[in-house]
C-alpha atoms as a PDB file:
ATOM      1  CA  MET A   1       0.000   0.000   0.000  1.00  0.00           C
ATOM      2  CA  MET A   2       1.294   3.140  -1.110  1.00  0.00           C
ATOM      3  CA  ARG A   3       1.633   6.082   1.423  1.00  0.00           C
ATOM      4  CA  ARG A   4       0.991   9.736   0.499  1.00  0.00           C
ATOM      5  CA  ASN A   5       2.913  12.604   1.851  1.00  0.00           C
ATOM      6  CA  ARG A   6       0.410  15.364   3.039  1.00  0.00           C
ATOM      7  CA  THR A   7       1.722  18.860   2.931  1.00  0.00           C
ATOM      8  CA  VAL A   8       0.220  21.695   5.031  1.00  0.00           C
ATOM      9  CA  GLU A   9      -0.808  24.805   2.985  1.00  0.00           C
ATOM     10  CA  GLN A  10       0.469  28.128   4.382  1.00  0.00           C
ATOM     11  CA  PHE A  11      -2.777  30.026   3.586  1.00  0.00           C
ATOM     12  CA  SER A  12      -5.899  28.151   4.204  1.00  0.00           C
ATOM     13  CA  ILE A  13      -9.466  29.061   3.424  1.00  0.00           C
ATOM     14  CA  SER A  14     -10.249  29.900   7.026  1.00  0.00           C
ATOM     15  CA  PHE A  15      -7.447  32.369   7.111  1.00  0.00           C
ATOM     16  CA  LEU A  16      -8.733  34.041   3.975  1.00  0.00           C
ATOM     17  CA  ASP A  17     -12.183  34.345   5.499  1.00  0.00           C
ATOM     18  CA  VAL A  18     -10.832  36.028   8.603  1.00  0.00           C
ATOM     19  CA  ALA A  19      -8.727  38.426   6.572  1.00  0.00           C
ATOM     20  CA  SER A  20     -11.634  39.313   4.296  1.00  0.00           C
ATOM     21  CA  CYS A  21     -13.871  40.029   7.269  1.00  0.00           C
ATOM     22  CA  GLY A  22     -11.197  42.233   8.811  1.00  0.00           C
ATOM     23  CA  PHE A  23     -10.702  44.261   5.680  1.00  0.00           C
ATOM     24  CA  GLY A  24     -14.436  44.553   5.247  1.00  0.00           C
ATOM     25  CA  ALA A  25     -14.859  45.825   8.786  1.00  0.00           C
ATOM     26  CA  ILE A  26     -12.162  48.427   8.223  1.00  0.00           C
ATOM     27  CA  ILE A  27     -13.770  49.562   4.990  1.00  0.00           C
ATOM     28  CA  ILE A  28     -17.170  49.843   6.689  1.00  0.00           C
ATOM     29  CA  LEU A  29     -15.660  51.882   9.517  1.00  0.00           C
ATOM     30  CA  LEU A  30     -14.041  54.188   7.024  1.00  0.00           C
ATOM     31  CA  MET A  31     -17.284  54.615   5.136  1.00  0.00           C
ATOM     32  CA  ILE A  32     -19.236  55.366   8.319  1.00  0.00           C
ATOM     33  CA  THR A  33     -16.682  57.863   9.536  1.00  0.00           C
ATOM     34  CA  LYS A  34     -16.402  59.661   6.173  1.00  0.00           C
ATOM     35  CA  SER A  35     -20.129  59.907   5.519  1.00  0.00           C
ATOM     36  CA  ALA A  36     -20.987  61.083   9.044  1.00  0.00           C
ATOM     37  CA  ALA A  37     -18.623  64.040   8.989  1.00  0.00           C
ATOM     38  CA  PRO A  38     -20.212  65.832   6.010  1.00  0.00           C
ATOM     39  CA  ALA A  39     -23.697  65.219   7.422  1.00  0.00           C
ATOM     40  CA  SER A  40     -22.845  66.998  10.669  1.00  0.00           C
ATOM     41  CA  VAL A  41     -21.253  69.902   8.767  1.00  0.00           C
ATOM     42  CA  ASP A  42     -24.297  70.301   6.481  1.00  0.00           C
ATOM     43  CA  LEU A  43     -26.686  70.442   9.428  1.00  0.00           C
ATOM     44  CA  ALA A  44     -24.498  72.958  11.219  1.00  0.00           C
ATOM     45  CA  GLU A  45     -24.271  75.248   8.209  1.00  0.00           C
ATOM     46  CA  ILE A  46     -27.704  75.077   6.523  1.00  0.00           C
ATOM     47  CA  VAL A  47     -30.268  74.811   9.324  1.00  0.00           C
ATOM     48  CA  PRO A  48     -29.103  77.881  11.438  1.00  0.00           C
ATOM     49  CA  ALA A  49     -28.958  80.088   8.303  1.00  0.00           C
ATOM     50  CA  GLU A  50     -32.612  79.413   7.582  1.00  0.00           C
ATOM     51  CA  VAL A  51     -33.576  80.185  11.160  1.00  0.00           C
ATOM     52  CA  VAL A  52     -31.582  83.445  11.122  1.00  0.00           C
ATOM     53  CA  GLN A  53     -33.239  84.496   7.881  1.00  0.00           C
ATOM     54  CA  GLN A  54     -36.698  83.852   9.322  1.00  0.00           C
ATOM     55  CA  MET A  55     -35.864  85.825  12.460  1.00  0.00           C
ATOM     56  CA  GLN A  56     -34.541  88.734  10.382  1.00  0.00           C
ATOM     57  CA  GLU A  57     -37.745  88.822   8.367  1.00  0.00           C
ATOM     58  CA  GLN A  58     -39.800  88.885  11.585  1.00  0.00           C
ATOM     59  CA  LEU A  59     -37.591  91.651  12.973  1.00  0.00           C
ATOM     60  CA  PHE A  60     -38.055  93.818   9.869  1.00  0.00           C
ATOM     61  CA  ALA A  61     -41.813  93.281  10.023  1.00  0.00           C
ATOM     62  CA  LEU A  62     -41.869  94.319  13.695  1.00  0.00           C
ATOM     63  CA  ARG A  63     -39.819  97.436  12.910  1.00  0.00           C
ATOM     64  CA  ASP A  64     -42.272  98.485  10.182  1.00  0.00           C
ATOM     65  CA  GLU A  65     -45.231  97.897  12.472  1.00  0.00           C
ATOM     66  CA  THR A  66     -43.558  99.892  15.277  1.00  0.00           C
ATOM     67  CA  ALA A  67     -42.893 102.829  12.936  1.00  0.00           C
ATOM     68  CA  GLU A  68     -46.542 102.870  11.853  1.00  0.00           C
ATOM     69  CA  LEU A  69     -47.725 102.787  15.471  1.00  0.00           C
ATOM     70  CA  ARG A  70     -45.362 105.626  16.388  1.00  0.00           C
ATOM     71  CA  GLN A  71     -46.714 107.752  13.543  1.00  0.00           C
ATOM     72  CA  GLU A  72     -50.290 107.099  14.677  1.00  0.00           C
ATOM     73  CA  LEU A  73     -49.336 108.024  18.246  1.00  0.00           C
ATOM     74  CA  ASP A  74     -47.733 111.317  17.148  1.00  0.00           C
ATOM     75  CA  SER A  75     -50.768 112.134  15.026  1.00  0.00           C
ATOM     76  CA  SER A  76     -53.095 111.421  17.969  1.00  0.00           C
ATOM     77  CA  ARG A  77     -51.054 113.666  20.246  1.00  0.00           C
ATOM     78  CA  GLN A  78     -51.207 116.505  17.727  1.00  0.00           C
ATOM     79  CA  ARG A  79     -54.957 116.107  17.384  1.00  0.00           C
ATOM     80  CA  GLN A  80     -55.315 116.079  21.174  1.00  0.00           C
ATOM     81  CA  ALA A  81     -53.265 119.300  21.515  1.00  0.00           C
ATOM     82  CA  THR A  82     -55.379 120.970  18.832  1.00  0.00           C
ATOM     83  CA  VAL A  83     -58.594 119.942  20.564  1.00  0.00           C
ATOM     84  CA  GLN A  84     -57.318 121.230  23.925  1.00  0.00           C
ATOM     85  CA  GLU A  85     -56.452 124.603  22.397  1.00  0.00           C
ATOM     86  CA  LEU A  86     -59.882 124.787  20.780  1.00  0.00           C
ATOM     87  CA  VAL A  87     -61.605 123.947  24.067  1.00  0.00           C
ATOM     88  CA  ALA A  88     -59.637 126.653  25.900  1.00  0.00           C
ATOM     89  CA  SER A  89     -60.535 129.205  23.237  1.00  0.00           C
ATOM     90  CA  LEU A  90     -64.207 128.230  23.322  1.00  0.00           C
ATOM     91  CA  ARG A  91     -64.311 128.475  27.104  1.00  0.00           C
ATOM     92  CA  SER A  92     -62.831 131.974  27.036  1.00  0.00           C
ATOM     93  CA  ARG A  93     -65.421 133.058  24.476  1.00  0.00           C
ATOM     94  CA  ARG A  94     -68.406 131.366  26.107  1.00  0.00           C
ATOM     95  CA  GLU A  95     -69.449 134.115  28.500  1.00  0.00           C
ATOM     96  CA  SER A  96     -69.049 136.807  25.863  1.00  0.00           C
ATOM     97  CA  LEU A  97     -71.058 134.795  23.325  1.00  0.00           C
ATOM     98  CA  GLU A  98     -73.802 134.128  25.841  1.00  0.00           C
ATOM     99  CA  GLY A  99     -74.121 137.839  26.478  1.00  0.00           C
ATOM    100  CA  GLU A 100     -74.092 138.612  22.771  1.00  0.00           C
ATOM    101  CA  TYR A 101     -76.742 135.977  22.125  1.00  0.00           C
ATOM    102  CA  ALA A 102     -79.024 137.370  24.807  1.00  0.00           C
ATOM    103  CA  LEU A 103     -78.657 140.842  23.355  1.00  0.00           C
ATOM    104  CA  ALA A 104     -79.038 139.826  19.725  1.00  0.00           C
ATOM    105  CA  LYS A 105     -82.018 137.616  20.559  1.00  0.00           C
ATOM    106  CA  ALA A 106     -84.111 140.663  21.371  1.00  0.00           C
ATOM    107  CA  GLU A 107     -83.522 142.199  17.940  1.00  0.00           C
ATOM    108  CA  GLY A 108     -86.951 142.442  16.369  1.00  0.00           C
ATOM    109  CA  ASP A 109     -87.338 145.752  14.653  1.00  0.00           C
ATOM    110  CA  GLU A 110     -86.435 146.294  11.055  1.00  0.00           C
ATOM    111  CA  ILE A 111     -83.093 147.986  10.329  1.00  0.00           C
ATOM    112  CA  SER A 112     -84.623 150.580   8.037  1.00  0.00           C
ATOM    113  CA  GLU A 113     -87.069 151.701  10.714  1.00  0.00           C
ATOM    114  CA  GLU A 114     -84.242 151.999  13.254  1.00  0.00           C
ATOM    115  CA  ILE A 115     -82.101 154.072  10.891  1.00  0.00           C
ATOM    116  CA  GLY A 116     -85.025 156.345  10.195  1.00  0.00           C
ATOM    117  CA  ARG A 117     -85.465 157.040  13.903  1.00  0.00           C
ATOM    118  CA  LEU A 118     -81.759 157.640  14.415  1.00  0.00           C
ATOM    119  CA  LEU A 119     -81.662 160.245  11.659  1.00  0.00           C
ATOM    120  CA  LEU A 120     -84.235 162.296  13.576  1.00  0.00           C
ATOM    121  CA  ALA A 121     -81.907 162.719  16.593  1.00  0.00           C
ATOM    122  CA  ARG A 122     -80.350 166.136  17.181  1.00  0.00           C
ATOM    123  CA  GLN A 123     -77.529 167.520  19.292  1.00  0.00           C
ATOM    124  CA  THR A 124     -80.037 169.550  21.325  1.00  0.00           C
ATOM    125  CA  LEU A 125     -82.627 168.161  23.703  1.00  0.00           C
ATOM    126  CA  THR A 126     -85.389 166.712  21.500  1.00  0.00           C
ATOM    127  CA  GLU A 127     -89.104 166.656  22.119  1.00  0.00           C
ATOM    128  CA  GLU A 128     -88.911 162.922  22.617  1.00  0.00           C
ATOM    129  CA  MET A 129     -86.305 163.289  25.357  1.00  0.00           C
ATOM    130  CA  GLN A 130     -88.378 166.000  27.024  1.00  0.00           C
ATOM    131  CA  ARG A 131     -91.367 163.669  27.059  1.00  0.00           C
ATOM    132  CA  LEU A 132     -89.292 160.857  28.524  1.00  0.00           C
ATOM    133  CA  PHE A 133     -87.875 163.040  31.292  1.00  0.00           C
ATOM    134  CA  ALA A 134     -91.346 164.408  32.075  1.00  0.00           C
ATOM    135  CA  ALA A 135     -92.745 160.888  32.418  1.00  0.00           C
ATOM    136  CA  SER A 136     -89.993 159.831  34.828  1.00  0.00           C
ATOM    137  CA  ASP A 137     -88.848 160.877  38.266  1.00  0.00           C
ATOM    138  CA  VAL A 138     -85.819 162.635  36.759  1.00  0.00           C
ATOM    139  CA  ARG A 139     -85.951 166.406  36.670  1.00  0.00           C
ATOM    140  CA  GLN A 140     -86.461 168.064  33.314  1.00  0.00           C
ATOM    141  CA  SER A 141     -83.231 169.962  33.779  1.00  0.00           C
ATOM    142  CA  SER A 142     -80.482 168.664  31.523  1.00  0.00           C
ATOM    143  CA  TYR A 143     -78.120 168.681  34.532  1.00  0.00           C
ATOM    144  CA  ILE A 144     -78.238 166.270  37.471  1.00  0.00           C
ATOM    145  CA  GLY A 145     -75.628 166.699  40.182  1.00  0.00           C
ATOM    146  CA  GLY A 146     -73.725 169.018  37.859  1.00  0.00           C
ATOM    147  CA  VAL A 147     -73.507 166.335  35.140  1.00  0.00           C
ATOM    148  CA  PRO A 148     -75.239 167.068  31.796  1.00  0.00           C
ATOM    149  CA  VAL A 149     -77.695 164.281  30.958  1.00  0.00           C
ATOM    150  CA  ASP A 150     -79.124 165.550  27.684  1.00  0.00           C
ATOM    151  CA  SER A 151     -77.466 162.872  25.531  1.00  0.00           C
ATOM    152  CA  GLU A 152     -79.393 160.200  23.674  1.00  0.00           C
ATOM    153  CA  TYR A 153     -76.373 157.895  23.233  1.00  0.00           C
ATOM    154  CA  ILE A 154     -73.873 156.940  25.934  1.00  0.00           C
ATOM    155  CA  ILE A 155     -70.551 155.118  25.818  1.00  0.00           C
ATOM    156  CA  PHE A 156     -68.781 153.669  28.870  1.00  0.00           C
ATOM    157  CA  VAL A 157     -64.974 153.538  28.639  1.00  0.00           C
ATOM    158  CA  ILE A 158     -63.844 151.399  31.601  1.00  0.00           C
ATOM    159  CA  ASP A 159     -60.344 150.876  32.994  1.00  0.00           C
ATOM    160  CA  THR A 160     -59.992 147.074  33.251  1.00  0.00           C
ATOM    161  CA  SER A 161     -56.527 147.061  34.827  1.00  0.00           C
ATOM    162  CA  GLY A 162     -55.722 144.844  37.809  1.00  0.00           C
ATOM    163  CA  SER A 163     -55.994 147.633  40.357  1.00  0.00           C
ATOM    164  CA  MET A 164     -59.555 148.396  39.245  1.00  0.00           C
ATOM    165  CA  TYR A 165     -60.695 144.795  38.732  1.00  0.00           C
ATOM    166  CA  GLU A 166     -59.372 143.530  42.059  1.00  0.00           C
ATOM    167  CA  ASN A 167     -60.341 146.499  44.237  1.00  0.00           C
ATOM    168  CA  ALA A 168     -63.056 148.736  42.801  1.00  0.00           C
ATOM    169  CA  TRP A 169     -65.022 146.473  40.467  1.00  0.00           C
ATOM    170  CA  GLY A 170     -68.078 146.173  42.706  1.00  0.00           C
ATOM    171  CA  ARG A 171     -68.215 149.942  43.210  1.00  0.00           C
ATOM    172  CA  MET A 172     -67.735 150.454  39.477  1.00  0.00           C
ATOM    173  CA  LEU A 173     -70.799 148.274  38.754  1.00  0.00           C
ATOM    174  CA  GLU A 174     -72.839 150.403  41.147  1.00  0.00           C
ATOM    175  CA  VAL A 175     -71.721 153.573  39.360  1.00  0.00           C
ATOM    176  CA  ILE A 176     -72.708 152.094  35.984  1.00  0.00           C
ATOM    177  CA  GLU A 177     -76.169 151.213  37.314  1.00  0.00           C
ATOM    178  CA  GLU A 178     -76.579 154.670  38.871  1.00  0.00           C
ATOM    179  CA  THR A 179     -75.565 156.333  35.608  1.00  0.00           C
ATOM    180  CA  LEU A 180     -78.035 154.248  33.621  1.00  0.00           C
ATOM    181  CA  ASP A 181     -80.761 155.156  36.118  1.00  0.00           C
ATOM    182  CA  VAL A 182     -80.125 158.830  35.327  1.00  0.00           C
ATOM    183  CA  TYR A 183     -81.022 158.043  31.701  1.00  0.00           C
ATOM    184  CA  PRO A 184     -84.488 156.378  31.783  1.00  0.00           C
ATOM    185  CA  GLU A 185     -84.185 155.563  28.098  1.00  0.00           C
ATOM    186  CA  VAL A 186     -81.573 156.229  25.462  1.00  0.00           C
ATOM    187  CA  LYS A 187     -81.323 155.297  21.813  1.00  0.00           C
ATOM    188  CA  GLY A 188     -78.010 153.519  22.018  1.00  0.00           C
ATOM    189  CA  ILE A 189     -75.452 152.182  24.516  1.00  0.00           C
ATOM    190  CA  GLN A 190     -71.914 150.921  24.024  1.00  0.00           C
ATOM    191  CA  VAL A 191     -69.308 149.490  26.436  1.00  0.00           C
ATOM    192  CA  MET A 192     -65.555 149.514  25.762  1.00  0.00           C
ATOM    193  CA  ASN A 193     -62.449 149.233  27.894  1.00  0.00           C
ATOM    194  CA  ASP A 194     -59.673 151.805  28.045  1.00  0.00           C
ATOM    195  CA  MET A 195     -57.836 149.987  25.230  1.00  0.00           C
ATOM    196  CA  GLY A 196     -60.802 150.397  22.866  1.00  0.00           C
ATOM    197  CA  ASP A 197     -61.854 146.716  23.097  1.00  0.00           C
ATOM    198  CA  TYR A 198     -65.592 146.030  22.865  1.00  0.00           C
ATOM    199  CA  MET A 199     -67.403 144.061  25.544  1.00  0.00           C
ATOM    200  CA  PHE A 200     -69.668 142.578  22.845  1.00  0.00           C
ATOM    201  CA  ASP A 201     -67.783 141.841  19.620  1.00  0.00           C
ATOM    202  CA  SER A 202     -71.021 141.318  17.700  1.00  0.00           C
ATOM    203  CA  PHE A 203     -71.831 145.014  18.266  1.00  0.00           C
ATOM    204  CA  ARG A 204     -68.436 146.281  17.156  1.00  0.00           C
ATOM    205  CA  GLY A 205     -68.880 149.688  15.525  1.00  0.00           C
ATOM    206  CA  ARG A 206     -72.639 149.843  16.096  1.00  0.00           C
ATOM    207  CA  TRP A 207     -74.987 150.773  18.921  1.00  0.00           C
ATOM    208  CA  ILE A 208     -76.679 148.407  21.368  1.00  0.00           C
ATOM    209  CA  ARG A 209     -80.407 149.193  21.522  1.00  0.00           C
ATOM    210  CA  ASP A 210     -81.546 150.170  25.005  1.00  0.00           C
ATOM    211  CA  THR A 211     -84.025 147.831  26.706  1.00  0.00           C
ATOM    212  CA  PRO A 212     -84.402 146.798  30.378  1.00  0.00           C
ATOM    213  CA  SER A 213     -83.227 143.267  29.637  1.00  0.00           C
ATOM    214  CA  ARG A 214     -80.146 144.559  27.858  1.00  0.00           C
ATOM    215  CA  ARG A 215     -79.226 146.785  30.755  1.00  0.00           C
ATOM    216  CA  VAL A 216     -79.390 143.756  33.038  1.00  0.00           C
ATOM    217  CA  GLN A 217     -77.296 141.758  30.569  1.00  0.00           C
ATOM    218  CA  ILE A 218     -74.664 144.492  30.400  1.00  0.00           C
ATOM    219  CA  ILE A 219     -74.283 144.543  34.199  1.00  0.00           C
ATOM    220  CA  ASN A 220     -74.128 140.730  34.415  1.00  0.00           C
ATOM    221  CA  THR A 221     -71.489 140.510  31.696  1.00  0.00           C
ATOM    222  CA  LEU A 222     -69.438 143.270  33.327  1.00  0.00           C
ATOM    223  CA  ARG A 223     -69.108 141.208  36.509  1.00  0.00           C
ATOM    224  CA  THR A 224     -66.598 138.850  34.881  1.00  0.00           C
ATOM    225  CA  TRP A 225     -65.299 140.990  31.999  1.00  0.00           C
ATOM    226  CA  ASP A 226     -61.507 141.235  32.383  1.00  0.00           C
ATOM    227  CA  PRO A 227     -59.653 142.210  29.157  1.00  0.00           C
ATOM    228  CA  PHE A 228     -56.083 143.520  29.095  1.00  0.00           C
ATOM    229  CA  SER A 229     -55.507 147.181  30.037  1.00  0.00           C
ATOM    230  CA  ASN A 230     -52.471 149.479  30.006  1.00  0.00           C
ATOM    231  CA  SER A 231     -54.006 151.864  32.588  1.00  0.00           C
ATOM    232  CA  SER A 232     -54.521 154.684  30.115  1.00  0.00           C
ATOM    233  CA  PRO A 233     -57.918 156.021  28.918  1.00  0.00           C
ATOM    234  CA  VAL A 234     -56.445 157.522  25.738  1.00  0.00           C
ATOM    235  CA  GLU A 235     -57.023 154.595  23.365  1.00  0.00           C
ATOM    236  CA  GLY A 236     -60.597 153.992  24.526  1.00  0.00           C
ATOM    237  CA  VAL A 237     -61.656 157.654  24.305  1.00  0.00           C
ATOM    238  CA  THR A 238     -60.179 158.194  20.847  1.00  0.00           C
ATOM    239  CA  ALA A 239     -61.653 154.903  19.552  1.00  0.00           C
ATOM    240  CA  ALA A 240     -65.105 155.833  20.903  1.00  0.00           C
ATOM    241  CA  ILE A 241     -65.070 159.256  19.226  1.00  0.00           C
ATOM    242  CA  SER A 242     -63.690 157.976  15.925  1.00  0.00           C
ATOM    243  CA  SER A 243     -66.113 155.036  15.703  1.00  0.00           C
ATOM    244  CA  PHE A 244     -69.377 156.558  16.889  1.00  0.00           C
ATOM    245  CA  TYR A 245     -69.449 160.290  16.310  1.00  0.00           C
ATOM    246  CA  SER A 246     -72.228 161.427  14.012  1.00  0.00           C
ATOM    247  CA  PRO A 247     -73.524 164.988  13.581  1.00  0.00           C
ATOM    248  CA  ASP A 248     -77.125 163.843  14.090  1.00  0.00           C
ATOM    249  CA  LYS A 249     -76.462 162.197  17.490  1.00  0.00           C
ATOM    250  CA  LYS A 250     -75.913 163.673  20.921  1.00  0.00           C
ATOM    251  CA  ILE A 251     -73.313 161.430  22.560  1.00  0.00           C
ATOM    252  CA  SER A 252     -71.731 161.321  26.013  1.00  0.00           C
ATOM    253  CA  ILE A 253     -68.650 159.289  26.945  1.00  0.00           C
ATOM    254  CA  TYR A 254     -68.208 158.214  30.564  1.00  0.00           C
ATOM    255  CA  VAL A 255     -64.602 157.345  31.471  1.00  0.00           C
ATOM    256  CA  LEU A 256     -64.210 155.240  34.645  1.00  0.00           C
ATOM    257  CA  GLY A 257     -60.723 154.614  36.010  1.00  0.00           C
ATOM    258  CA  ASP A 258     -58.212 155.024  38.796  1.00  0.00           C
ATOM    259  CA  ASP A 259     -54.826 155.898  37.272  1.00  0.00           C
ATOM    260  CA  PHE A 260     -52.963 157.118  34.208  1.00  0.00           C
ATOM    261  CA  GLN A 261     -49.637 155.313  33.773  1.00  0.00           C
ATOM    262  CA  GLN A 262     -49.040 155.304  30.017  1.00  0.00           C
ATOM    263  CA  GLY A 263     -50.131 157.135  26.881  1.00  0.00           C
ATOM    264  CA  GLY A 264     -47.809 160.153  26.961  1.00  0.00           C
ATOM    265  CA  SER A 265     -48.016 163.404  28.856  1.00  0.00           C
ATOM    266  CA  ILE A 266     -51.282 165.037  29.888  1.00  0.00           C
ATOM    267  CA  GLU A 267     -50.794 167.875  27.396  1.00  0.00           C
ATOM    268  CA  GLN A 268     -50.107 165.397  24.594  1.00  0.00           C
ATOM    269  CA  VAL A 269     -53.330 163.504  25.351  1.00  0.00           C
ATOM    270  CA  LEU A 270     -55.344 166.704  25.395  1.00  0.00           C
ATOM    271  CA  ARG A 271     -53.970 167.699  21.986  1.00  0.00           C
ATOM    272  CA  VAL A 272     -54.850 164.310  20.517  1.00  0.00           C
ATOM    273  CA  VAL A 273     -58.437 164.497  21.789  1.00  0.00           C
ATOM    274  CA  ASP A 274     -58.757 168.123  20.640  1.00  0.00           C
ATOM    275  CA  ARG A 275     -57.886 167.083  17.083  1.00  0.00           C
ATOM    276  CA  ILE A 276     -60.541 164.362  17.098  1.00  0.00           C
ATOM    277  CA  ASN A 277     -63.311 165.934  19.174  1.00  0.00           C
ATOM    278  CA  VAL A 278     -63.329 169.295  17.393  1.00  0.00           C
ATOM    279  CA  GLU A 279     -65.744 172.145  18.026  1.00  0.00           C
ATOM    280  CA  ASN A 280     -68.683 172.846  15.738  1.00  0.00           C
ATOM    281  CA  ALA A 281     -69.869 176.260  14.547  1.00  0.00           C
ATOM    282  CA  LYS A 282     -71.549 176.876  17.917  1.00  0.00           C
ATOM    283  CA  GLY A 283     -68.331 176.199  19.816  1.00  0.00           C
ATOM    284  CA  GLU A 284     -69.622 172.841  21.077  1.00  0.00           C
ATOM    285  CA  ARG A 285     -67.599 169.652  20.984  1.00  0.00           C
ATOM    286  CA  LEU A 286     -68.733 166.678  18.916  1.00  0.00           C
ATOM    287  CA  VAL A 287     -69.256 164.536  22.036  1.00  0.00           C
ATOM    288  CA  ARG A 288     -69.301 165.190  25.766  1.00  0.00           C
ATOM    289  CA  ILE A 289     -66.648 163.502  27.913  1.00  0.00           C
ATOM    290  CA  HIS A 290     -67.358 162.829  31.591  1.00  0.00           C
ATOM    291  CA  GLY A 291     -64.919 161.290  34.049  1.00  0.00           C
ATOM    292  CA  ILE A 292     -65.339 159.286  37.245  1.00  0.00           C
ATOM    293  CA  GLY A 293     -62.279 158.684  39.431  1.00  0.00           C
ATOM    294  CA  PHE A 294     -61.890 155.775  41.880  1.00  0.00           C
ATOM    295  CA  PRO A 295     -59.276 156.467  44.622  1.00  0.00           C
ATOM    296  CA  VAL A 296     -57.725 153.003  44.468  1.00  0.00           C
ATOM    297  CA  ILE A 297     -54.153 154.121  43.763  1.00  0.00           C
ATOM    298  CA  LEU A 298     -54.332 156.737  46.524  1.00  0.00           C
ATOM    299  CA  GLY A 299     -54.726 153.986  49.130  1.00  0.00           C
ATOM    300  CA  ASN A 300     -51.856 152.930  51.380  1.00  0.00           C
ATOM    301  CA  SER A 301     -51.286 149.618  49.588  1.00  0.00           C
ATOM    302  CA  PHE A 302     -50.553 151.481  46.340  1.00  0.00           C
ATOM    303  CA  ALA A 303     -48.481 154.293  47.847  1.00  0.00           C
ATOM    304  CA  ARG A 304     -45.627 153.937  45.377  1.00  0.00           C
ATOM    305  CA  PHE A 305     -48.061 154.380  42.450  1.00  0.00           C
ATOM    306  CA  GLN A 306     -49.858 157.442  43.831  1.00  0.00           C
ATOM    307  CA  GLN A 307     -48.361 159.706  41.197  1.00  0.00           C
ATOM    308  CA  SER A 308     -50.313 157.860  38.485  1.00  0.00           C
ATOM    309  CA  GLY A 309     -53.520 158.469  40.479  1.00  0.00           C
ATOM    310  CA  TYR A 310     -52.823 162.202  40.613  1.00  0.00           C
ATOM    311  CA  ARG A 311     -52.067 162.199  36.878  1.00  0.00           C
ATOM    312  CA  TYR A 312     -55.430 160.543  36.148  1.00  0.00           C
ATOM    313  CA  ALA A 313     -57.303 163.139  38.198  1.00  0.00           C
ATOM    314  CA  SER A 314     -55.438 166.011  36.528  1.00  0.00           C
ATOM    315  CA  LEU A 315     -56.021 164.562  33.056  1.00  0.00           C
ATOM    316  CA  MET A 316     -59.738 163.937  33.556  1.00  0.00           C
ATOM    317  CA  ARG A 317     -60.375 167.361  35.121  1.00  0.00           C
ATOM    318  CA  GLU A 318     -58.886 169.130  32.116  1.00  0.00           C
ATOM    319  CA  LEU A 319     -60.270 166.656  29.561  1.00  0.00           C
ATOM    320  CA  THR A 320     -63.859 166.938  30.829  1.00  0.00           C
ATOM    321  CA  HIS A 321     -63.592 170.716  31.136  1.00  0.00           C
ATOM    322  CA  ARG A 322     -62.514 171.097  27.504  1.00  0.00           C
ATOM    323  CA  ASN A 323     -65.113 168.653  26.197  1.00  0.00           C
ATOM    324  CA  GLY A 324     -68.297 169.873  27.886  1.00  0.00           C
ATOM    325  CA  GLY A 325     -68.362 167.271  30.636  1.00  0.00           C
ATOM    326  CA  THR A 326     -67.835 166.873  34.376  1.00  0.00           C
ATOM    327  CA  PHE A 327     -65.238 165.023  36.447  1.00  0.00           C
ATOM    328  CA  VAL A 328     -66.417 163.368  39.669  1.00  0.00           C
ATOM    329  CA  GLY A 329     -63.845 162.002  42.120  1.00  0.00           C
ATOM    330  CA  LEU A 330     -65.240 159.425  44.536  1.00  0.00           C
ATOM    331  CA  ASN A 331     -64.269 159.491  48.217  1.00  0.00           C
ATOM    332  CA  ASP A 332     -64.177 155.704  48.517  1.00  0.00           C
ATOM    333  CA  TYR A 333     -63.869 152.836  46.054  1.00  0.00           C
ATOM    334  CA  ARG A 334     -65.330 150.127  48.298  1.00  0.00           C
END
């Protein structure tokens, strides 16, 4: 029997299997490691960029919305300021308008009829005035207490400065009422302050018809009437003469005040009034000017302003003397 020699192979099949598995495992590990790295980089780079872009878009939208809201807020504030200014203006005009409405409400006669009656007025005492004085308790004399009362139209020029308004206003209202009582009925009344400002703007440049209700309305409106004043009667007197003088009307101006601080010297004021309130052919002035002095400035609390009180008294004495009127200085302003 023949015997074979068996040789051992250096590389067997089992060894090849093990080697193949090892190389395969290495290749798989390499593939896993290589493919995972790019995936993590892509996620880190792409996903945050999209989120940032979305947030930027939201931010821009919020900025636009905020700008629109700010514009609406500014517009609302401007409208509110305008409304507040309008309310303040309307409040300041309310009392004056109420007085004007009450006066204008009583207007019932035709304008042509009123003008026809006014044209019949004369500078001398008319038959109508004589009848009115005869029917009243007032004496038929055209002088009462030394003050001529033959006028058919009267204008009050009132000093509305702080010294008058805060100290003598109640006494001033009494003087106005007493003066109106002297005239049972006139054809026209007007009220201005010493600056030439009208108490009733709706009657600017025209007469207020005299009725009992209107007299009451004038007094009630005067209680709270407080326009600016420079403590000088010059502007009010000259405005009254320039605006209302008419050759067919007999007019008296009543100046009520307590001092004369501005408006030039006394002689300068007299010259100005002389040029406006000239004499007619009979030597009579166009209008009478009366003065009533309230001794407010002469009190102890106004001692340093007493000179202006003396100037007012000196001015009104000479002014009334030249213009056919009378100056009355009160002993007390309370």
